[in-house]
């Protein structure tokens, strides 16, 4: 089994998801702590990056919700 199939077949439980969120959040705080330049961006750049990063997961969520609705 290659790594792509392993990722496709992996089912995370709520603890895995929560720990992943904590790891990403603390990793982002670490980057902000050691790289002062990242915090010097204007606020709208953070909103643009946030919207771009959230678009695909939110679309997948709404598609899945629509499938379960019908």
C-alpha atoms as a PDB file:
ATOM      1  CA  UNK A   1       0.000   0.000   0.000  1.00  0.00           C
ATOM      2  CA  UNK A   2       1.459   3.343  -0.956  1.00  0.00           C
ATOM      3  CA  UNK A   3       1.248   6.501   1.133  1.00  0.00           C
ATOM      4  CA  UNK A   4      -1.580   8.036  -0.945  1.00  0.00           C
ATOM      5  CA  UNK A   5      -3.843   5.027  -0.380  1.00  0.00           C
ATOM      6  CA  UNK A   6      -2.948   5.050   3.301  1.00  0.00           C
ATOM      7  CA  UNK A   7      -4.035   8.693   3.587  1.00  0.00           C
ATOM      8  CA  UNK A   8      -7.247   8.007   1.679  1.00  0.00           C
ATOM      9  CA  UNK A   9      -8.144   5.086   3.946  1.00  0.00           C
ATOM     10  CA  UNK A  10      -7.250   6.812   7.234  1.00  0.00           C
ATOM     11  CA  UNK A  11     -10.181   7.682   9.482  1.00  0.00           C
ATOM     12  CA  UNK A  12      -9.289  10.125  12.249  1.00  0.00           C
ATOM     13  CA  UNK A  13     -11.212  10.125  15.489  1.00  0.00           C
ATOM     14  CA  UNK A  14     -12.012  13.300  17.404  1.00  0.00           C
ATOM     15  CA  UNK A  15      -8.858  13.082  19.523  1.00  0.00           C
ATOM     16  CA  UNK A  16      -6.648  12.969  16.416  1.00  0.00           C
ATOM     17  CA  UNK A  17      -8.451  15.990  14.977  1.00  0.00           C
ATOM     18  CA  UNK A  18      -8.185  17.942  18.237  1.00  0.00           C
ATOM     19  CA  UNK A  19      -4.476  17.159  18.632  1.00  0.00           C
ATOM     20  CA  UNK A  20      -3.836  18.162  15.009  1.00  0.00           C
ATOM     21  CA  UNK A  21      -5.564  21.500  15.600  1.00  0.00           C
ATOM     22  CA  UNK A  22      -3.485  22.129  18.721  1.00  0.00           C
ATOM     23  CA  UNK A  23      -0.279  21.225  16.874  1.00  0.00           C
ATOM     24  CA  UNK A  24      -1.059  23.566  13.980  1.00  0.00           C
ATOM     25  CA  UNK A  25      -2.045  26.397  16.304  1.00  0.00           C
ATOM     26  CA  UNK A  26       1.109  26.112  18.408  1.00  0.00           C
ATOM     27  CA  UNK A  27       3.244  25.752  15.289  1.00  0.00           C
ATOM     28  CA  UNK A  28       1.782  28.992  13.951  1.00  0.00           C
ATOM     29  CA  UNK A  29       2.465  30.715  17.261  1.00  0.00           C
ATOM     30  CA  UNK A  30       6.043  29.470  17.154  1.00  0.00           C
ATOM     31  CA  UNK A  31       6.545  30.860  13.631  1.00  0.00           C
ATOM     32  CA  UNK A  32       5.078  34.206  14.721  1.00  0.00           C
ATOM     33  CA  UNK A  33       7.400  34.230  17.734  1.00  0.00           C
ATOM     34  CA  UNK A  34      10.644  33.571  15.844  1.00  0.00           C
ATOM     35  CA  UNK A  35       9.838  35.487  12.621  1.00  0.00           C
ATOM     36  CA  UNK A  36       8.897  39.086  13.420  1.00  0.00           C
ATOM     37  CA  UNK A  37       8.300  39.958   9.771  1.00  0.00           C
ATOM     38  CA  UNK A  38       5.237  37.730   9.475  1.00  0.00           C
ATOM     39  CA  UNK A  39       3.326  39.874  11.972  1.00  0.00           C
ATOM     40  CA  UNK A  40       4.072  43.094  10.115  1.00  0.00           C
ATOM     41  CA  UNK A  41       1.582  42.333   7.330  1.00  0.00           C
ATOM     42  CA  UNK A  42      -1.612  44.356   7.083  1.00  0.00           C
ATOM     43  CA  UNK A  43      -4.742  42.716   8.498  1.00  0.00           C
ATOM     44  CA  UNK A  44      -6.350  42.090   5.107  1.00  0.00           C
ATOM     45  CA  UNK A  45      -3.530  39.735   4.049  1.00  0.00           C
ATOM     46  CA  UNK A  46      -4.416  37.443   6.936  1.00  0.00           C
ATOM     47  CA  UNK A  47      -8.087  37.505   5.882  1.00  0.00           C
ATOM     48  CA  UNK A  48      -7.170  36.681   2.272  1.00  0.00           C
ATOM     49  CA  UNK A  49      -4.952  33.772   3.343  1.00  0.00           C
ATOM     50  CA  UNK A  50      -7.647  32.554   5.734  1.00  0.00           C
ATOM     51  CA  UNK A  51     -10.333  32.627   3.023  1.00  0.00           C
ATOM     52  CA  UNK A  52      -8.113  30.850   0.506  1.00  0.00           C
ATOM     53  CA  UNK A  53      -7.177  28.151   3.004  1.00  0.00           C
ATOM     54  CA  UNK A  54     -10.757  27.649   4.229  1.00  0.00           C
ATOM     55  CA  UNK A  55     -12.462  27.546   0.819  1.00  0.00           C
ATOM     56  CA  UNK A  56     -11.905  23.901  -0.153  1.00  0.00           C
ATOM     57  CA  UNK A  57     -12.654  22.343   3.255  1.00  0.00           C
ATOM     58  CA  UNK A  58     -15.828  24.406   3.568  1.00  0.00           C
ATOM     59  CA  UNK A  59     -16.973  23.432   0.070  1.00  0.00           C
ATOM     60  CA  UNK A  60     -16.382  19.768   0.911  1.00  0.00           C
ATOM     61  CA  UNK A  61     -18.367  20.189   4.114  1.00  0.00           C
ATOM     62  CA  UNK A  62     -21.326  21.786   2.351  1.00  0.00           C
ATOM     63  CA  UNK A  63     -21.297  19.146  -0.396  1.00  0.00           C
ATOM     64  CA  UNK A  64     -21.316  16.369   2.211  1.00  0.00           C
ATOM     65  CA  UNK A  65     -24.092  18.104   4.142  1.00  0.00           C
ATOM     66  CA  UNK A  66     -26.155  18.438   0.980  1.00  0.00           C
ATOM     67  CA  UNK A  67     -25.721  14.721   0.183  1.00  0.00           C
ATOM     68  CA  UNK A  68     -26.919  13.687   3.631  1.00  0.00           C
ATOM     69  CA  UNK A  69     -29.851  16.082   3.376  1.00  0.00           C
ATOM     70  CA  UNK A  70     -31.356  14.420   0.292  1.00  0.00           C
END
